[in-house]
Each structure stands twice: as C-alpha cells, then as structure tokens.
Protein backbone atom coordinates (compact mmCIF):
# COMPACT_ATOMS: atom_id res chain seq x y z
CA UNK A 1 102.17 93.12 -111.15
CA UNK A 2 98.54 92.16 -111.51
CA UNK A 3 96.47 95.34 -111.50
CA UNK A 4 93.27 95.91 -113.38
CA UNK A 5 90.16 98.03 -113.46
CA UNK A 6 87.92 94.95 -113.26
CA UNK A 7 84.70 95.88 -111.47
CA UNK A 8 83.77 93.82 -108.43
CA UNK A 9 80.21 95.06 -108.23
CA UNK A 10 79.05 92.98 -111.19
CA UNK A 11 80.88 89.78 -110.38
CA UNK A 12 78.92 86.65 -111.30
CA UNK A 13 77.66 84.46 -108.48
CA UNK A 14 80.32 82.01 -107.34
CA UNK A 15 79.94 78.44 -106.21
CA UNK A 16 82.47 76.24 -104.50
CA UNK A 17 82.87 74.25 -107.71
CA UNK A 18 83.60 77.32 -109.85
CA UNK A 19 85.76 78.94 -107.21
CA UNK A 20 88.02 75.93 -106.82
CA UNK A 21 88.16 74.96 -110.46
CA UNK A 22 91.56 76.61 -110.68
CA UNK A 23 93.14 74.50 -107.98
CA UNK A 24 93.82 71.46 -110.14
CA UNK A 25 96.29 68.71 -109.37
CA UNK A 26 99.17 71.09 -108.76
CA UNK A 27 97.08 73.10 -106.32
CA UNK A 28 96.09 70.04 -104.37
CA UNK A 29 99.70 68.94 -104.24
CA UNK A 30 100.67 72.30 -102.77
CA UNK A 31 97.89 71.98 -100.21
CA UNK A 32 99.12 68.52 -99.23
CA UNK A 33 102.67 69.76 -98.90
CA UNK A 34 101.59 72.68 -96.75
CA UNK A 35 99.58 70.39 -94.52
CA UNK A 36 102.48 68.15 -93.70
CA UNK A 37 104.04 66.54 -96.73
CA UNK A 38 102.90 65.01 -99.96
CA UNK A 39 100.88 62.27 -98.34
CA UNK A 40 97.34 61.64 -99.47
CA UNK A 41 94.43 62.98 -97.43
CA UNK A 42 93.83 60.99 -94.25
CA UNK A 43 92.31 57.60 -94.90
CA UNK A 44 88.97 56.59 -93.47
CA UNK A 45 89.31 54.99 -90.09
CA UNK A 46 92.38 57.05 -89.21
CA UNK A 47 90.73 59.19 -86.57
CA UNK A 48 91.63 57.35 -83.37
CA UNK A 49 90.72 54.42 -81.19
CA UNK A 50 87.42 52.72 -82.04
CA UNK A 51 84.51 54.47 -80.37
CA UNK A 52 86.56 57.47 -79.19
CA UNK A 53 86.11 60.97 -80.58
CA UNK A 54 89.44 62.85 -80.55
CA UNK A 55 89.46 66.60 -79.89
CA UNK A 56 92.61 68.74 -80.02
CA UNK A 57 93.15 72.36 -79.06
CA UNK A 58 95.96 74.80 -78.23
CA UNK A 59 94.21 77.13 -75.77
CA UNK A 60 96.31 77.03 -72.62
CA UNK A 61 93.86 78.87 -70.39
CA UNK A 62 90.93 76.60 -71.30
CA UNK A 63 92.26 73.19 -70.36
CA UNK A 64 90.20 72.69 -67.22
CA UNK A 65 87.06 73.78 -69.07
CA UNK A 66 87.72 71.57 -72.08
CA UNK A 67 88.59 68.51 -70.02
CA UNK A 68 85.34 68.89 -68.11
CA UNK A 69 83.38 69.73 -71.27
CA UNK A 70 84.65 66.59 -73.00
CA UNK A 71 83.33 64.48 -70.14
CA UNK A 72 79.96 66.25 -69.93
CA UNK A 73 79.21 66.39 -73.65
CA UNK A 74 80.54 62.90 -74.16
CA UNK A 75 77.97 61.62 -71.67
CA UNK A 76 75.20 63.55 -73.44
CA UNK A 77 76.00 62.30 -76.95
CA UNK A 78 76.98 58.78 -75.93
CA UNK A 79 80.63 58.95 -76.99
CA UNK A 80 84.00 58.91 -75.27
CA UNK A 81 85.73 62.20 -76.08
CA UNK A 82 89.52 62.19 -75.81
CA UNK A 83 90.66 65.78 -75.32
CA UNK A 84 94.33 66.67 -75.93
CA UNK A 85 96.25 69.93 -75.62
CA UNK A 86 99.19 71.11 -77.73
CA UNK A 87 101.34 74.14 -76.89
CA UNK A 88 100.65 76.92 -79.44
CA UNK A 89 104.17 76.69 -80.80
CA UNK A 90 103.84 72.95 -81.39
CA UNK A 91 100.22 72.76 -82.52
CA UNK A 92 100.79 73.18 -86.26
CA UNK A 93 103.52 70.56 -86.38
CA UNK A 94 101.35 68.16 -84.37
CA UNK A 95 98.58 68.49 -86.98
CA UNK A 96 101.06 68.02 -89.82
CA UNK A 97 102.40 64.83 -88.26
CA UNK A 98 98.88 63.59 -87.56
CA UNK A 99 97.96 64.24 -91.18
CA UNK A 100 101.01 62.35 -92.45
CA UNK A 101 100.02 59.39 -90.28
CA UNK A 102 96.37 59.56 -91.37
CA UNK A 103 95.42 60.33 -87.76
CA UNK A 104 93.88 63.79 -87.79
CA UNK A 105 91.69 64.33 -84.71
CA UNK A 106 87.95 64.38 -85.30
CA UNK A 107 87.64 67.97 -84.04
CA UNK A 108 90.49 70.47 -84.13
CA UNK A 109 91.60 74.01 -84.95
CA UNK A 110 92.93 74.19 -88.51
CA UNK A 111 96.28 75.86 -87.83
CA UNK A 112 97.83 74.91 -91.16
CA UNK A 113 97.77 78.33 -92.81
CA UNK A 114 95.41 77.47 -95.67
CA UNK A 115 92.04 78.99 -96.63
CA UNK A 116 88.90 77.00 -95.97
CA UNK A 117 88.08 76.32 -99.65
CA UNK A 118 91.48 74.69 -100.14
CA UNK A 119 91.02 72.53 -97.04
CA UNK A 120 87.58 71.45 -98.25
CA UNK A 121 88.76 70.62 -101.76
CA UNK A 122 91.72 68.64 -100.45
CA UNK A 123 89.53 66.65 -98.06
CA UNK A 124 91.02 67.80 -94.76
CA UNK A 125 87.69 69.04 -93.36
CA UNK A 126 84.15 67.68 -93.32
CA UNK A 127 80.82 69.50 -93.50
CA UNK A 128 79.38 70.23 -90.06
CA UNK A 129 75.71 69.88 -89.23
CA UNK A 130 74.54 72.86 -87.19
CA UNK A 131 70.94 73.18 -86.04
CA UNK A 132 68.83 76.27 -86.68
CA UNK A 133 68.64 76.77 -82.92
CA UNK A 134 72.43 76.96 -82.69
CA UNK A 135 72.64 79.36 -85.64
CA UNK A 136 70.12 81.67 -83.99
CA UNK A 137 72.29 81.87 -80.88
CA UNK A 138 75.19 83.34 -82.83
CA UNK A 139 75.50 86.98 -83.93
CA UNK A 140 74.15 87.92 -87.35
CA UNK A 141 76.71 87.25 -90.05
CA UNK A 142 78.71 84.78 -87.95
CA UNK A 143 78.99 82.36 -90.87
CA UNK A 144 80.75 83.95 -93.84
CA UNK A 145 81.12 82.48 -97.31
CA UNK A 146 84.73 81.55 -97.96
CA UNK A 147 85.69 81.63 -94.28
CA UNK A 148 83.36 79.25 -92.47
CA UNK A 149 80.96 78.08 -95.16
CA UNK A 150 80.93 77.28 -98.89
CA UNK A 151 77.77 77.32 -101.01
CA UNK A 152 75.87 77.60 -97.74
CA UNK A 153 77.37 74.40 -96.30
CA UNK A 154 79.09 74.97 -92.95
CA UNK A 155 82.65 73.67 -92.57
CA UNK A 156 83.87 75.66 -89.59
CA UNK A 157 82.52 77.23 -86.43
CA UNK A 158 83.69 80.61 -85.12
CA UNK A 159 83.66 80.30 -81.32
CA UNK A 160 85.56 83.48 -80.50
CA UNK A 161 84.88 87.12 -81.32
CA UNK A 162 86.56 88.88 -84.23
CA UNK A 163 86.64 92.01 -82.06
CA UNK A 164 90.05 91.66 -80.47
CA UNK A 165 93.73 92.53 -80.78
CA UNK A 166 96.82 91.19 -79.04
CA UNK A 167 99.19 94.14 -78.49
CA UNK A 168 98.14 94.68 -74.89
CA UNK A 169 100.26 96.03 -72.03
CA UNK A 170 99.39 94.14 -68.84
CA UNK A 171 100.93 95.41 -65.61
CA UNK A 172 101.31 94.47 -61.94
CA UNK A 173 99.07 96.85 -59.96
CA UNK A 174 101.00 96.24 -56.74
CA UNK A 175 104.19 97.41 -58.43
CA UNK A 176 102.35 100.39 -59.93
CA UNK A 177 101.20 101.44 -56.46
CA UNK A 178 104.63 100.93 -54.92
CA UNK A 179 106.53 102.74 -57.67
CA UNK A 180 103.84 105.33 -58.35
CA UNK A 181 102.83 105.32 -62.01
CA UNK A 182 99.52 105.47 -63.83
CA UNK A 183 98.57 103.08 -66.66
CA UNK A 184 100.36 104.49 -69.73
CA UNK A 185 98.53 105.23 -72.97
CA UNK A 186 101.29 106.74 -75.14
CA UNK A 187 104.71 105.41 -76.10
CA UNK A 188 106.44 108.08 -74.02
CA UNK A 189 104.26 107.33 -70.99
CA UNK A 190 105.02 103.63 -71.41
CA UNK A 191 108.76 104.28 -71.50
CA UNK A 192 108.37 106.61 -68.53
CA UNK A 193 106.64 103.96 -66.44
CA UNK A 194 109.36 101.44 -67.29
CA UNK A 195 112.04 103.99 -66.34
CA UNK A 196 110.28 104.64 -63.04
CA UNK A 197 110.33 100.92 -62.22
CA UNK A 198 114.00 100.69 -63.18
CA UNK A 199 114.86 103.74 -61.04
CA UNK A 200 113.00 102.28 -58.08
CA UNK A 201 115.32 99.31 -58.26
CA UNK A 202 113.25 96.61 -56.57
CA UNK A 203 111.49 95.14 -59.60
CA UNK A 204 112.23 94.17 -63.20
CA UNK A 205 110.46 96.63 -65.51
CA UNK A 206 109.20 94.21 -68.17
CA UNK A 207 109.34 90.92 -69.97
CA UNK A 208 107.93 89.61 -73.25
CA UNK A 209 108.34 86.65 -75.58
CA UNK A 210 111.00 88.08 -77.89
CA UNK A 211 112.07 84.54 -78.76
CA UNK A 212 108.69 83.88 -80.44
CA UNK A 213 108.79 85.66 -83.83
CA UNK A 214 105.14 84.89 -84.53
CA UNK A 215 104.04 86.65 -81.36
CA UNK A 216 106.30 89.62 -82.08
CA UNK A 217 104.79 89.87 -85.56
CA UNK A 218 101.26 89.87 -84.16
CA UNK A 219 102.00 92.57 -81.60
CA UNK A 220 103.76 94.89 -84.03
CA UNK A 221 101.01 94.41 -86.63
CA UNK A 222 98.54 95.61 -83.97
CA UNK A 223 100.69 98.47 -82.72
CA UNK A 224 101.33 99.66 -86.29
CA UNK A 225 97.64 99.63 -87.17
CA UNK A 226 96.69 101.56 -84.03
CA UNK A 227 99.58 103.91 -84.80
CA UNK A 228 98.14 104.88 -88.18
CA UNK A 229 98.93 102.13 -90.67
CA UNK A 230 95.89 101.93 -93.02
CA UNK A 231 95.79 98.16 -93.24
CA UNK A 232 96.88 95.00 -91.49
CA UNK A 233 99.75 92.53 -91.65
CA UNK A 234 101.70 94.87 -93.89
CA UNK A 235 99.06 95.26 -96.62
CA UNK A 236 97.18 98.51 -97.10
CA UNK A 237 93.42 98.09 -97.35
CA UNK A 238 92.99 100.98 -99.79
CA UNK A 239 95.60 100.05 -102.40
CA UNK A 240 96.30 96.38 -101.73
CA UNK A 241 100.02 97.17 -101.67
CA UNK A 242 102.48 95.91 -99.07
CA UNK A 243 104.02 98.69 -97.01
CA UNK A 244 105.79 97.22 -94.01
CA UNK A 245 108.15 100.20 -94.33
CA UNK A 246 105.34 102.60 -93.36
CA UNK A 247 106.27 105.02 -90.55
CA UNK A 248 103.80 103.34 -88.19
CA UNK A 249 105.69 100.04 -88.41
CA UNK A 250 109.06 101.73 -87.96
CA UNK A 251 107.80 103.67 -84.93
CA UNK A 252 106.32 100.57 -83.27
CA UNK A 253 109.49 98.53 -83.75
CA UNK A 254 111.61 101.43 -82.51
CA UNK A 255 109.53 101.37 -79.32
CA UNK A 256 110.55 97.75 -78.71
CA UNK A 257 114.13 98.62 -79.63
CA UNK A 258 114.25 101.40 -77.04
CA UNK A 259 112.75 99.12 -74.39
CA UNK A 260 115.46 96.58 -75.14
CA UNK A 261 118.37 99.01 -75.45
CA UNK A 262 117.56 100.74 -72.15
CA UNK A 263 117.78 97.43 -70.30
CA UNK A 264 114.13 97.37 -69.27
CA UNK A 265 113.67 93.69 -70.13
CA UNK A 266 114.16 90.84 -67.71
CA UNK A 267 117.44 89.09 -68.56
CA UNK A 268 116.76 86.20 -70.93
CA UNK A 269 113.69 87.82 -72.53
CA UNK A 270 115.39 87.81 -75.93
CA UNK A 271 115.05 84.02 -76.02
CA UNK A 272 111.76 83.63 -74.14
CA UNK A 273 108.95 81.70 -75.74
CA UNK A 274 105.36 82.50 -74.77
CA UNK A 275 105.20 80.16 -71.72
CA UNK A 276 108.56 81.49 -70.50
CA UNK A 277 107.62 85.16 -70.56
CA UNK A 278 104.12 84.64 -69.19
CA UNK A 279 105.40 82.30 -66.48
CA UNK A 280 108.07 84.77 -65.32
CA UNK A 281 105.56 87.62 -65.18
CA UNK A 282 102.95 85.48 -63.39
CA UNK A 283 105.49 84.68 -60.68
CA UNK A 284 105.52 88.38 -59.67
CA UNK A 285 108.18 91.01 -59.34
CA UNK A 286 107.93 92.29 -62.95
CA UNK A 287 106.09 95.45 -63.91
CA UNK A 288 104.81 94.93 -67.47
CA UNK A 289 104.16 92.09 -69.88
CA UNK A 290 103.01 92.45 -73.50
CA UNK A 291 100.44 89.73 -74.13
CA UNK A 292 97.07 89.12 -75.73
CA UNK A 293 93.53 88.94 -74.29
CA UNK A 294 94.26 85.37 -73.24
CA UNK A 295 96.84 86.48 -70.69
CA UNK A 296 94.57 86.30 -67.59
CA UNK A 297 93.56 82.72 -68.36
CA UNK A 298 97.18 81.72 -68.86
CA UNK A 299 98.29 83.53 -65.70
CA UNK A 300 95.57 81.87 -63.62
CA UNK A 301 96.77 78.44 -64.68
CA UNK A 302 100.32 79.39 -63.65
CA UNK A 303 99.72 81.39 -60.46
CA UNK A 304 96.13 82.15 -59.38
CA UNK A 305 97.41 84.53 -56.72
CA UNK A 306 98.57 86.87 -59.47
CA UNK A 307 95.08 87.42 -60.92
CA UNK A 308 93.98 90.10 -58.41
CA UNK A 309 97.16 92.03 -59.20
CA UNK A 310 96.61 92.15 -62.97
CA UNK A 311 96.03 95.57 -64.44
CA UNK A 312 95.48 96.48 -68.08
CA UNK A 313 96.94 99.59 -69.67
CA UNK A 314 95.53 98.55 -73.05
CA UNK A 315 97.33 99.01 -76.34
CA UNK A 316 99.65 102.04 -76.33
CA UNK A 317 99.52 104.43 -79.27
CA UNK A 318 102.26 106.89 -80.30
CA UNK A 319 100.63 109.97 -78.75
CA UNK A 320 98.01 108.29 -76.58
CA UNK A 321 95.31 108.51 -79.25
CA UNK A 322 92.23 106.31 -78.89
CA UNK A 323 92.75 102.89 -80.46
CA UNK A 324 91.03 102.36 -83.81
CA UNK A 325 91.48 98.81 -85.12
CA UNK A 326 90.09 96.70 -87.95
CA UNK A 327 89.71 92.94 -88.22
CA UNK A 328 88.17 90.74 -90.86
CA UNK A 329 85.30 88.38 -90.20
CA UNK A 330 86.24 85.46 -87.98
CA UNK A 331 87.28 82.26 -89.68
CA UNK A 332 86.81 78.72 -88.40
CA UNK A 333 87.93 78.11 -84.83
CA UNK A 334 86.70 74.53 -84.93
CA UNK A 335 86.60 72.13 -87.86
CA UNK A 336 85.84 68.45 -88.32
CA UNK A 337 88.38 66.09 -89.92
CA UNK A 338 87.51 64.97 -93.43
CA UNK A 339 88.38 61.43 -92.35
CA UNK A 340 86.14 61.29 -89.30
CA UNK A 341 84.01 58.22 -88.79
CA UNK A 342 81.99 60.05 -86.13
CA UNK A 343 80.55 62.96 -88.09
CA UNK A 344 77.29 63.09 -86.14
CA UNK A 345 78.97 63.14 -82.72
CA UNK A 346 81.67 65.53 -83.90
CA UNK A 347 78.98 67.93 -85.16
CA UNK A 348 77.24 67.67 -81.79
CA UNK A 349 80.45 68.51 -79.95
CA UNK A 350 81.13 71.49 -82.21
CA UNK A 351 77.54 72.73 -81.91
CA UNK A 352 77.83 72.56 -78.12
CA UNK A 353 80.36 75.40 -78.33
CA UNK A 354 77.49 77.75 -79.26
CA UNK A 355 75.63 77.05 -76.02
CA UNK A 356 75.42 79.98 -73.64
CA UNK A 357 76.74 77.94 -70.71
CA UNK A 358 79.87 77.01 -72.73
CA UNK A 359 80.29 80.59 -73.92
CA UNK A 360 79.97 81.86 -70.35
CA UNK A 361 82.56 79.37 -69.17
CA UNK A 362 84.69 80.29 -72.19
CA UNK A 363 84.57 83.88 -70.99
CA UNK A 364 85.44 82.70 -67.46
CA UNK A 365 88.49 80.99 -68.96
CA UNK A 366 89.67 84.51 -69.91
CA UNK A 367 91.22 83.40 -73.16
CA UNK A 368 90.12 85.05 -76.41
CA UNK A 369 86.73 86.78 -75.98
CA UNK A 370 83.79 84.50 -76.82
CA UNK A 371 81.68 85.15 -79.88
CA UNK A 372 78.73 85.88 -77.56
CA UNK A 373 80.26 88.99 -76.01
CA UNK A 374 77.18 89.70 -73.88
CA UNK A 375 78.01 86.77 -71.59
CA UNK A 376 81.26 88.37 -70.40
CA UNK A 377 79.67 90.86 -68.01
CA UNK A 378 77.99 88.02 -66.09
CA UNK A 379 80.93 85.63 -66.16
CA UNK A 380 83.48 84.95 -63.42
CA UNK A 381 86.23 87.21 -64.77
CA UNK A 382 88.48 89.92 -63.42
CA UNK A 383 87.45 93.53 -63.98
CA UNK A 384 90.30 94.31 -66.41
CA UNK A 385 89.01 91.52 -68.66
CA UNK A 386 85.53 93.08 -68.68
CA UNK A 387 87.02 96.48 -69.53
CA UNK A 388 89.15 94.91 -72.27
CA UNK A 389 86.11 93.34 -73.96
CA UNK A 390 84.23 96.64 -73.73
CA UNK A 391 87.19 98.36 -75.38
CA UNK A 392 87.29 95.74 -78.12
CA UNK A 393 83.58 96.21 -78.80
CA UNK A 394 84.03 99.95 -79.24
CA UNK A 395 87.41 100.04 -80.96
CA UNK A 396 87.46 97.13 -83.44
CA UNK A 397 85.68 97.50 -86.78
CA UNK A 398 85.03 95.00 -89.59
CA UNK A 399 87.83 95.01 -92.16
CA UNK A 400 87.55 94.11 -95.85
CA UNK A 401 88.77 90.69 -96.99
CA UNK A 402 89.65 89.67 -100.51
CA UNK A 403 88.39 86.10 -100.07
CA UNK A 404 84.98 87.32 -98.89
CA UNK A 405 84.50 89.48 -101.99
CA UNK A 406 85.92 86.86 -104.35
CA UNK A 407 86.11 83.30 -103.06
CA UNK A 408 88.45 82.40 -105.93
CA UNK A 409 91.14 84.17 -103.93
CA UNK A 410 91.40 80.85 -102.09
CA UNK A 411 93.20 79.44 -105.13
CA UNK A 412 95.85 82.15 -104.65
CA UNK A 413 96.21 81.70 -100.91
CA UNK A 414 96.66 77.95 -101.36
CA UNK A 415 99.64 78.65 -103.61
CA UNK A 416 101.24 81.50 -101.72
CA UNK A 417 104.61 80.49 -100.33
CA UNK A 418 105.60 81.74 -96.86
CA UNK A 419 108.00 84.66 -96.84
CA UNK A 420 111.17 84.19 -94.83
CA UNK A 421 112.53 85.98 -92.95
CA UNK A 422 109.18 87.27 -91.76
CA UNK A 423 108.36 90.39 -89.74
CA UNK A 424 109.06 88.69 -86.42
CA UNK A 425 112.52 87.70 -87.63
CA UNK A 426 113.22 91.27 -88.73
CA UNK A 427 112.19 92.52 -85.29
CA UNK A 428 114.45 90.00 -83.58
CA UNK A 429 117.33 90.86 -85.90
CA UNK A 430 116.97 94.58 -85.34
CA UNK A 431 116.71 94.31 -81.56
CA UNK A 432 119.63 91.91 -81.49
CA UNK A 433 121.86 94.12 -83.64
CA UNK A 434 122.07 91.81 -86.66
CA UNK A 435 120.05 94.29 -88.76
CA UNK A 436 121.38 97.85 -88.90
CA UNK A 437 119.01 99.46 -91.42
CA UNK A 438 115.49 98.74 -90.20
CA UNK A 439 113.61 100.60 -92.91
CA UNK A 440 115.54 98.89 -95.71
CA UNK A 441 114.83 95.51 -94.13
CA UNK A 442 111.13 96.42 -94.08
CA UNK A 443 111.26 97.56 -97.72
CA UNK A 444 112.77 94.19 -98.59
CA UNK A 445 110.02 92.47 -96.61
CA UNK A 446 107.33 94.42 -98.48
CA UNK A 447 108.90 93.49 -101.81
CA UNK A 448 109.14 89.81 -100.85
CA UNK A 449 105.47 89.65 -99.84
CA UNK A 450 104.41 91.46 -103.01
CA UNK A 451 106.43 89.06 -105.17
CA UNK A 452 104.99 86.03 -103.36
CA UNK A 453 101.46 87.31 -103.92
CA UNK A 454 102.06 88.11 -107.61
CA UNK A 455 103.58 84.68 -108.18
CA UNK A 456 100.62 82.95 -106.52
CA UNK A 457 98.15 85.05 -108.54
CA UNK A 458 99.93 84.16 -111.77
CA UNK A 459 99.85 80.45 -110.92
CA UNK A 460 96.18 80.49 -109.92
CA UNK A 461 95.15 82.51 -112.96
CA UNK A 462 97.05 80.14 -115.25
CA UNK A 463 94.85 77.31 -113.98
CA UNK A 464 91.62 79.22 -114.55
CA UNK A 465 91.01 81.23 -111.38
CA UNK A 466 89.55 84.69 -112.01
CA UNK A 467 91.85 86.72 -109.78
CA UNK A 468 94.19 89.70 -109.98
CA UNK A 469 95.73 92.25 -107.61
CA UNK A 470 92.61 94.40 -107.70
CA UNK A 471 90.93 91.75 -105.52
CA UNK A 472 93.01 93.10 -102.63
CA UNK A 473 92.16 96.78 -103.31
CA UNK A 474 89.39 98.41 -101.28
CA UNK A 475 89.60 102.06 -102.24
CA UNK A 476 86.37 102.86 -100.37
CA UNK A 477 87.67 101.58 -97.03
CA UNK A 478 87.67 104.12 -94.18
CA UNK A 479 89.14 103.73 -90.70
CA UNK A 480 86.66 103.58 -87.84
CA UNK A 481 83.84 102.10 -89.94
CA UNK A 482 82.61 98.56 -90.54
CA UNK A 483 83.35 97.66 -94.15
CA UNK A 484 80.41 96.53 -96.27
CA UNK A 485 80.69 94.98 -99.72
C-alpha cells in the first residue's frame, strides 16, 4: 500500500512536462493499447474526406439539434461539417476502431477512459483555440488544470454542467393518477408505489436497463452516495480507500434486488440495454423507469406524446432524506483530434458550443443539463426538467479530485487496468442469482480496485512520477460543501 504523510500544501508548481515525465515509452504504449490497440497515433491527413470536418457524438436526444447545428455553423465558418451519431454502448469501440485506422473525427467526445494529460502526451488530442469572449460566457472555474487544460492551454471544452446525477426515478403521471400514488422519496415509498401498480393489474410497474452493467453501476454509485456513502465510485473521499462493501452500497443494491424478486420489472428487463428500456417505457403502460437527466430528450425522440406524461420523483433515499451529492469538476465534453488538418475550423465549432443560443437549444434537447444552467428556465423544456435542474443546483456540491491537486496522478490513471467483474456485473450477478453473498462480492471488488490502484501507483512512481496513495486522501472533505484545495 502506498500511504504517506507527504504534505500537499507545499507541493511545487507542476507543468505538463514535469507531470508527464513519468509516462515514458511504456506509459505511451499502455495509452495506445487502451485507445484501441498498439497502433501509432493517427497520422496526419487521417481525419476524413478532403474539405470535410467530421464531428461525432453519442447524445441520443440531441441529434436534431446537432444535425442542424452542423449545417448552420458549417455555413458560418466555410466548412462542410459531417455529423455522425454513435449509440452510447458502441461509441467507445467506434473511436478505438477509428484510431486504429488513423481516422479519428476532428471533433469528438473522448470516451476512451484516459485522463487528459495522457491523451495530450500520446497525441490523441489537439490544443483548442478559445476566444476571451467565449471564456467569459462560461462559469468561473469552468476550465480546470488536469481536466480540460494543461499549463493554461485548453484541450477540452466542458459543455454540460457538473451538477447532475443519474439515479432518477421517472414515472408516468397518468398511471400515478389512475392507480393513486404520490411521487416516492424513500425506498419503502418507492416499493409501495410499485406494489400499488402491480395490485391494480393494468400496468407494468417498472422497467430499467439491467442488461447494461455500466448504467447499473452509475445508478448504484449515485444511490449509494445519496444513501450515506462518503465518496463516489466506491472510493471514500476522506481516506482514499475503496469501500464498495459499505452499508449504503448494500442497501441500494438490495433495493434493486427486491424490485426484481417481487416481479415488478417488465419481462425481459434483465437483458434490456438502454434503448430497449427507454423505448418500452416511452411507449406507455409502464409506471416507473430509472434513467438519467437525459431521459426526456430520449423519450421525445421515441414518442413525443409521452413527454406531457413524464413525472419526476427524483432520486430516492433510504428514509426519504434530502439528496446530498458530490461531483468533481467537469472534464472535457468536446476535444479536437490530434491529427486534424482543420484545427481552426474545429476550434470554431467547439467554441460555438459556448454560445447562449446553442446552450438554450442544448437545454431544449433535455439531455444532460447545459453548463449555462441559467438558460434552462427560458428554454422549451417540460416542467419536471426545470425542477430537476433546480434540484441539481441545490443538491450537488464540488467534490475533491486527486488529479486536480496533483496532475501527476494522470500517470497513474493511464496505467490503471480496468477491474473485471465491475460493480455493474456484481449487480447483475446478484439479481440473477449467480452471486449469493453480496457483501463478500463487494469486499472482493474493493480489494481488486485497491490492488489495481496500488499497482498503477507503483508503476508510475518507478518511472519518476511523484505520486502515492495520499493523493487520493482528502481528510478535510465534508458532505454538503464545495471542496476547495
């Protein structure tokens, strides 16, 4: 284990060069492997048809907006913009394949699971030119060293707000009126509403994407944090230790287990991917659907008639306590390919995402909340979306991040190997009966994550990075407060 009493308050100033000195050849090789094989970084000229700027995204509820935006901005900057959409579950693989072929799009979301410094060092992203006017439009502190910029140079744009969570219970208000239940806030109230729908007999109580382990992981991470876990994604903020076996995780997973065991789920939900579950719920006749803030946008694209019937119960907590959540500063939503031959036009497209008219239309798309939260109240959105954003603003606080305090942490994250099975797999296994002892499975998961982190720290430190486990310890963190360094 890598623990120390090293003080962070007197750390020397870090530059991108010093921070990434520990990456070395082995580090770059691991980056290349993680980004889609051991191929070299994309070659110049590999960014699409001559004269066309290629833009990829995975935001299902924003396709109409982005198709129109590509045409409008393309006309303004004098470039043909080819916009393409990838399903969320296929987006990472699409980028990996594009990288292997030397055909990364000029503008994309970097869904490859690597920190920004590693992407910069390996040549997968290019510096973005952002005007002072655009910077002034964004909230103070929008660009954060290690997440969206390095040594003051901007490599990524945050377009969405960091004030959000995904463990939301959406419900059909028509069914609520027919059956006679109020929006639940506690676990028992939630189960009671589902039982009432089941007893009524006309509707299916619920569906969710149990076949998507990544989505299950995200929801349980949120439910556990709002249920009292003092950290996020299994790691405690105060000690830097993994504790997936905390009572809050067990309680949240047991909620899903009870929902499943009592037969509240639409048949087939165990194998549903995100489009399956959302599509079934959008068709009507189902009471509840666990989904993120992007649910209304996705539902509108599937069945606009469902929008007026969408109600939001919010994120349930064990006893109905007010939600208190914490999220780190937003990373890069949009980056530019290191191989682009259209850097000026790509920068112009990315900068256009800071414009108030785009942000207002982004809000109207009812996907993730835009970084300019003030535009939501005046946007064409349903009332539950407005209430959701107001809740986010009040309930989500800034969390500490190791990479923000010490950018050399990037050398560790670039070397950290994924843990399998992950939390979503454990959830699926427990609900499906393959795992009998949930807490032991979570203890094993905590140990596996801790070992993976220690191994990555040891490798990074051996190549010169100044890192140890204390970089993940924030003993002065307190729930319900924005963390300051």
